[in-house]
Structure formats: C-alpha cells, structure tokens
Amino acid sequence: MADGGRSGAQERQPEALESLFATLDPDTARAALVRIAASVEVATLLNEIESGTSRISDFGPRNQEYTFMDQSPLQNVNIVKSLETRLPS
C-alpha cells in the first residue's frame, strides 16, 4: 500500500474527529480528549502487564533446577549459568 499500510477509512479518521470536535463545546471536547487519552493509556498498561506476566510465567520453567526438594539443602550452584538460562537475551 502506497499510503504506509493504512486504509482509506484510517486516512479519514482525523477528518472525522475534527468534524466531531467542531460540533462540541470546548469543555465537552476537552473531556472527550481526556477520556480518549486515558483509554489509550489503559490499553498500553494492559499490554505491559500482559508482556510482564508472560515473561514471569516463562521464568518458572527455567527455574526448575532450584526446585528439587528431595535433594540436600546445601548445593553448589553455577550462578552465571543459572542467570544466563533464566534471563531473556
């Protein structure tokens, strides 16, 4: 697509918003913009939460070598190797 991958409907959205806000009084337009901005912020935070949750759940299976409860409480551990296998690159 020559327009950067955006469809015609997406190209018209700013014009539609401009015409909508032109019909609103300034206080209502401001309140609407605040609500839209808050909605975008919430969506961004939810994406970050989902990403973090996914990373945490991936961390669990990588941490299996520390969960051998039937072994002695004192063990030699290669810290560098353990961190390299647990932390995403």
N, C-alpha and C. Protein backbone atom coordinates (compact mmCIF):
# COMPACT_ATOMS: atom_id res chain seq x y z
N MET A 1 0.84 -1.19 0.00
CA MET A 1 0.00 0.00 0.00
C MET A 1 0.87 1.24 0.00
N ALA A 2 0.57 2.13 -0.85
CA ALA A 2 1.39 3.33 -1.00
C ALA A 2 1.22 4.30 0.15
N ASP A 3 0.13 4.18 0.91
CA ASP A 3 -0.13 5.13 1.99
C ASP A 3 0.41 4.67 3.33
N GLY A 4 1.43 3.80 3.30
CA GLY A 4 2.03 3.34 4.56
C GLY A 4 1.25 2.24 5.23
N GLY A 5 0.40 1.52 4.47
CA GLY A 5 -0.34 0.41 5.03
C GLY A 5 -1.67 0.80 5.65
N ARG A 6 -2.07 2.05 5.51
CA ARG A 6 -3.33 2.47 6.11
C ARG A 6 -4.42 2.47 5.05
N SER A 7 -5.60 2.03 5.44
CA SER A 7 -6.73 2.01 4.51
C SER A 7 -7.33 3.40 4.39
N GLY A 8 -8.23 3.55 3.44
CA GLY A 8 -8.90 4.83 3.24
C GLY A 8 -9.67 5.26 4.48
N ALA A 9 -10.30 4.30 5.17
CA ALA A 9 -11.05 4.63 6.38
C ALA A 9 -10.13 5.19 7.45
N GLN A 10 -8.94 4.62 7.57
CA GLN A 10 -7.98 5.11 8.56
C GLN A 10 -7.49 6.50 8.18
N GLU A 11 -7.37 6.77 6.88
CA GLU A 11 -6.94 8.09 6.44
C GLU A 11 -7.99 9.15 6.80
N ARG A 12 -9.26 8.78 6.79
CA ARG A 12 -10.35 9.74 7.06
C ARG A 12 -10.61 9.95 8.54
N GLN A 13 -10.07 9.11 9.40
CA GLN A 13 -10.37 9.23 10.83
C GLN A 13 -10.01 10.60 11.41
N PRO A 14 -8.86 11.17 11.12
CA PRO A 14 -8.58 12.50 11.68
C PRO A 14 -9.61 13.54 11.23
N GLU A 15 -10.03 13.46 9.97
CA GLU A 15 -11.05 14.40 9.48
C GLU A 15 -12.37 14.19 10.21
N ALA A 16 -12.72 12.92 10.45
CA ALA A 16 -13.97 12.63 11.17
C ALA A 16 -13.90 13.17 12.59
N LEU A 17 -12.75 13.01 13.24
CA LEU A 17 -12.59 13.54 14.60
C LEU A 17 -12.65 15.06 14.61
N GLU A 18 -12.02 15.68 13.63
CA GLU A 18 -12.06 17.14 13.56
C GLU A 18 -13.48 17.65 13.40
N SER A 19 -14.26 16.99 12.52
CA SER A 19 -15.64 17.45 12.33
C SER A 19 -16.48 17.18 13.57
N LEU A 20 -16.21 16.06 14.27
CA LEU A 20 -16.94 15.76 15.50
C LEU A 20 -16.62 16.80 16.58
N PHE A 21 -15.34 17.08 16.77
CA PHE A 21 -14.95 18.04 17.80
C PHE A 21 -15.39 19.46 17.46
N ALA A 22 -15.59 19.76 16.18
CA ALA A 22 -16.06 21.09 15.79
C ALA A 22 -17.50 21.31 16.24
N THR A 23 -18.24 20.22 16.42
CA THR A 23 -19.63 20.35 16.85
C THR A 23 -19.78 20.40 18.37
N LEU A 24 -18.71 20.11 19.10
CA LEU A 24 -18.76 20.07 20.56
C LEU A 24 -18.31 21.40 21.16
N ASP A 25 -18.87 21.70 22.31
CA ASP A 25 -18.37 22.89 23.02
C ASP A 25 -16.99 22.55 23.59
N PRO A 26 -16.16 23.54 23.88
CA PRO A 26 -14.77 23.29 24.31
C PRO A 26 -14.64 22.38 25.53
N ASP A 27 -15.52 22.53 26.52
CA ASP A 27 -15.42 21.70 27.73
C ASP A 27 -15.71 20.23 27.41
N THR A 28 -16.70 19.99 26.57
CA THR A 28 -17.05 18.62 26.20
C THR A 28 -15.94 18.01 25.36
N ALA A 29 -15.38 18.80 24.43
CA ALA A 29 -14.28 18.31 23.59
C ALA A 29 -13.07 17.96 24.46
N ARG A 30 -12.78 18.81 25.43
CA ARG A 30 -11.65 18.56 26.33
C ARG A 30 -11.89 17.29 27.13
N ALA A 31 -13.10 17.11 27.65
CA ALA A 31 -13.43 15.91 28.43
C ALA A 31 -13.32 14.65 27.56
N ALA A 32 -13.76 14.76 26.32
CA ALA A 32 -13.67 13.62 25.41
C ALA A 32 -12.21 13.26 25.13
N LEU A 33 -11.39 14.28 24.90
CA LEU A 33 -9.97 14.01 24.66
C LEU A 33 -9.29 13.39 25.87
N VAL A 34 -9.65 13.85 27.05
CA VAL A 34 -9.09 13.28 28.28
C VAL A 34 -9.48 11.81 28.39
N ARG A 35 -10.73 11.50 28.08
CA ARG A 35 -11.20 10.11 28.15
C ARG A 35 -10.50 9.24 27.11
N ILE A 36 -10.33 9.77 25.90
CA ILE A 36 -9.64 9.01 24.85
C ILE A 36 -8.19 8.76 25.26
N ALA A 37 -7.52 9.78 25.77
CA ALA A 37 -6.13 9.62 26.21
C ALA A 37 -6.02 8.60 27.34
N ALA A 38 -6.97 8.63 28.27
CA ALA A 38 -6.96 7.67 29.38
C ALA A 38 -7.17 6.25 28.85
N SER A 39 -8.04 6.10 27.87
CA SER A 39 -8.29 4.77 27.29
C SER A 39 -7.04 4.22 26.61
N VAL A 40 -6.33 5.09 25.90
CA VAL A 40 -5.08 4.67 25.26
C VAL A 40 -4.06 4.28 26.32
N GLU A 41 -3.97 5.05 27.38
CA GLU A 41 -3.03 4.75 28.46
C GLU A 41 -3.37 3.41 29.12
N VAL A 42 -4.65 3.15 29.35
CA VAL A 42 -5.06 1.88 29.95
C VAL A 42 -4.69 0.72 29.02
N ALA A 43 -4.93 0.88 27.72
CA ALA A 43 -4.58 -0.17 26.77
C ALA A 43 -3.08 -0.43 26.78
N THR A 44 -2.29 0.63 26.86
CA THR A 44 -0.83 0.49 26.91
C THR A 44 -0.41 -0.25 28.18
N LEU A 45 -0.98 0.12 29.31
CA LEU A 45 -0.64 -0.54 30.57
C LEU A 45 -1.05 -2.01 30.56
N LEU A 46 -2.21 -2.32 29.98
CA LEU A 46 -2.63 -3.71 29.88
C LEU A 46 -1.68 -4.53 29.02
N ASN A 47 -1.19 -3.93 27.95
CA ASN A 47 -0.20 -4.63 27.12
C ASN A 47 1.09 -4.88 27.90
N GLU A 48 1.52 -3.90 28.70
CA GLU A 48 2.71 -4.08 29.52
C GLU A 48 2.51 -5.16 30.57
N ILE A 49 1.33 -5.20 31.18
CA ILE A 49 1.02 -6.23 32.17
C ILE A 49 1.04 -7.60 31.52
N GLU A 50 0.44 -7.71 30.35
CA GLU A 50 0.42 -8.99 29.65
C GLU A 50 1.84 -9.44 29.30
N SER A 51 2.66 -8.52 28.84
CA SER A 51 4.04 -8.85 28.49
C SER A 51 4.81 -9.29 29.74
N GLY A 52 4.67 -8.56 30.82
CA GLY A 52 5.36 -8.91 32.07
C GLY A 52 4.90 -10.24 32.62
N THR A 53 3.60 -10.49 32.55
CA THR A 53 3.06 -11.77 33.03
C THR A 53 3.60 -12.92 32.21
N SER A 54 3.70 -12.71 30.91
CA SER A 54 4.25 -13.74 30.03
C SER A 54 5.71 -14.02 30.38
N ARG A 55 6.48 -12.96 30.62
CA ARG A 55 7.89 -13.16 30.98
C ARG A 55 8.02 -13.88 32.31
N ILE A 56 7.15 -13.55 33.27
CA ILE A 56 7.20 -14.21 34.58
C ILE A 56 6.85 -15.68 34.44
N SER A 57 5.82 -16.00 33.64
CA SER A 57 5.46 -17.41 33.51
C SER A 57 6.51 -18.19 32.73
N ASP A 58 7.24 -17.52 31.84
CA ASP A 58 8.36 -18.18 31.16
C ASP A 58 9.51 -18.43 32.14
N PHE A 59 9.64 -17.60 33.13
CA PHE A 59 10.70 -17.72 34.12
C PHE A 59 10.54 -18.98 34.97
N GLY A 60 9.30 -19.37 35.25
CA GLY A 60 9.03 -20.54 36.10
C GLY A 60 9.68 -21.81 35.61
N PRO A 61 9.41 -22.23 34.37
CA PRO A 61 10.03 -23.48 33.88
C PRO A 61 11.56 -23.40 33.84
N ARG A 62 12.11 -22.23 33.62
CA ARG A 62 13.57 -22.08 33.60
C ARG A 62 14.15 -22.25 35.00
N ASN A 63 13.33 -22.07 36.01
CA ASN A 63 13.78 -22.10 37.39
C ASN A 63 13.68 -23.50 38.00
N GLN A 64 13.43 -24.51 37.19
CA GLN A 64 13.19 -25.86 37.70
C GLN A 64 14.38 -26.44 38.46
N GLU A 65 15.59 -26.11 38.09
CA GLU A 65 16.73 -26.75 38.76
C GLU A 65 16.85 -26.35 40.23
N TYR A 66 16.15 -25.31 40.67
CA TYR A 66 16.18 -24.92 42.07
C TYR A 66 15.06 -25.55 42.89
N THR A 67 14.19 -26.32 42.26
CA THR A 67 13.02 -26.82 42.96
C THR A 67 13.09 -28.30 43.30
N PHE A 68 14.26 -28.85 43.40
CA PHE A 68 14.41 -30.25 43.76
C PHE A 68 14.39 -30.37 45.28
N MET A 69 13.20 -30.58 45.82
CA MET A 69 13.02 -30.59 47.26
C MET A 69 13.63 -31.84 47.91
N ASP A 70 13.84 -32.90 47.14
CA ASP A 70 14.35 -34.14 47.72
C ASP A 70 15.87 -34.15 47.82
N GLN A 71 16.53 -33.08 47.36
CA GLN A 71 17.98 -33.01 47.44
C GLN A 71 18.39 -32.26 48.71
N SER A 72 19.64 -32.36 49.03
CA SER A 72 20.11 -31.72 50.26
C SER A 72 19.94 -30.21 50.18
N PRO A 73 19.78 -29.54 51.31
CA PRO A 73 19.56 -28.10 51.30
C PRO A 73 20.77 -27.29 50.87
N LEU A 74 21.96 -27.88 50.93
CA LEU A 74 23.18 -27.17 50.54
C LEU A 74 23.71 -27.77 49.25
N GLN A 75 23.77 -26.96 48.19
CA GLN A 75 24.23 -27.44 46.89
C GLN A 75 25.17 -26.42 46.27
N ASN A 76 26.08 -26.89 45.43
CA ASN A 76 26.90 -25.99 44.64
C ASN A 76 26.09 -25.57 43.41
N VAL A 77 26.09 -24.27 43.14
CA VAL A 77 25.31 -23.75 42.02
C VAL A 77 26.20 -22.83 41.19
N ASN A 78 26.12 -22.97 39.87
CA ASN A 78 26.83 -22.09 38.96
C ASN A 78 25.92 -20.88 38.70
N ILE A 79 26.15 -19.80 39.43
CA ILE A 79 25.28 -18.61 39.36
C ILE A 79 25.23 -18.03 37.95
N VAL A 80 26.37 -17.90 37.30
CA VAL A 80 26.42 -17.30 35.96
C VAL A 80 25.57 -18.13 35.00
N LYS A 81 25.76 -19.45 35.01
CA LYS A 81 24.99 -20.32 34.12
C LYS A 81 23.50 -20.22 34.44
N SER A 82 23.17 -20.22 35.70
CA SER A 82 21.76 -20.16 36.11
C SER A 82 21.11 -18.86 35.62
N LEU A 83 21.81 -17.74 35.78
CA LEU A 83 21.25 -16.46 35.32
C LEU A 83 21.13 -16.42 33.80
N GLU A 84 22.13 -16.97 33.12
CA GLU A 84 22.08 -16.97 31.66
C GLU A 84 20.91 -17.76 31.13
N THR A 85 20.54 -18.85 31.82
CA THR A 85 19.42 -19.67 31.34
C THR A 85 18.07 -19.06 31.74
N ARG A 86 18.05 -18.16 32.71
CA ARG A 86 16.80 -17.60 33.19
C ARG A 86 16.44 -16.25 32.60
N LEU A 87 17.43 -15.44 32.36
CA LEU A 87 17.16 -14.09 31.88
C LEU A 87 17.06 -14.07 30.37
N PRO A 88 16.03 -13.40 29.83
CA PRO A 88 15.91 -13.31 28.37
C PRO A 88 17.06 -12.52 27.79
N SER A 89 17.45 -12.90 26.59
CA SER A 89 18.56 -12.18 25.97
C SER A 89 18.09 -10.96 25.25
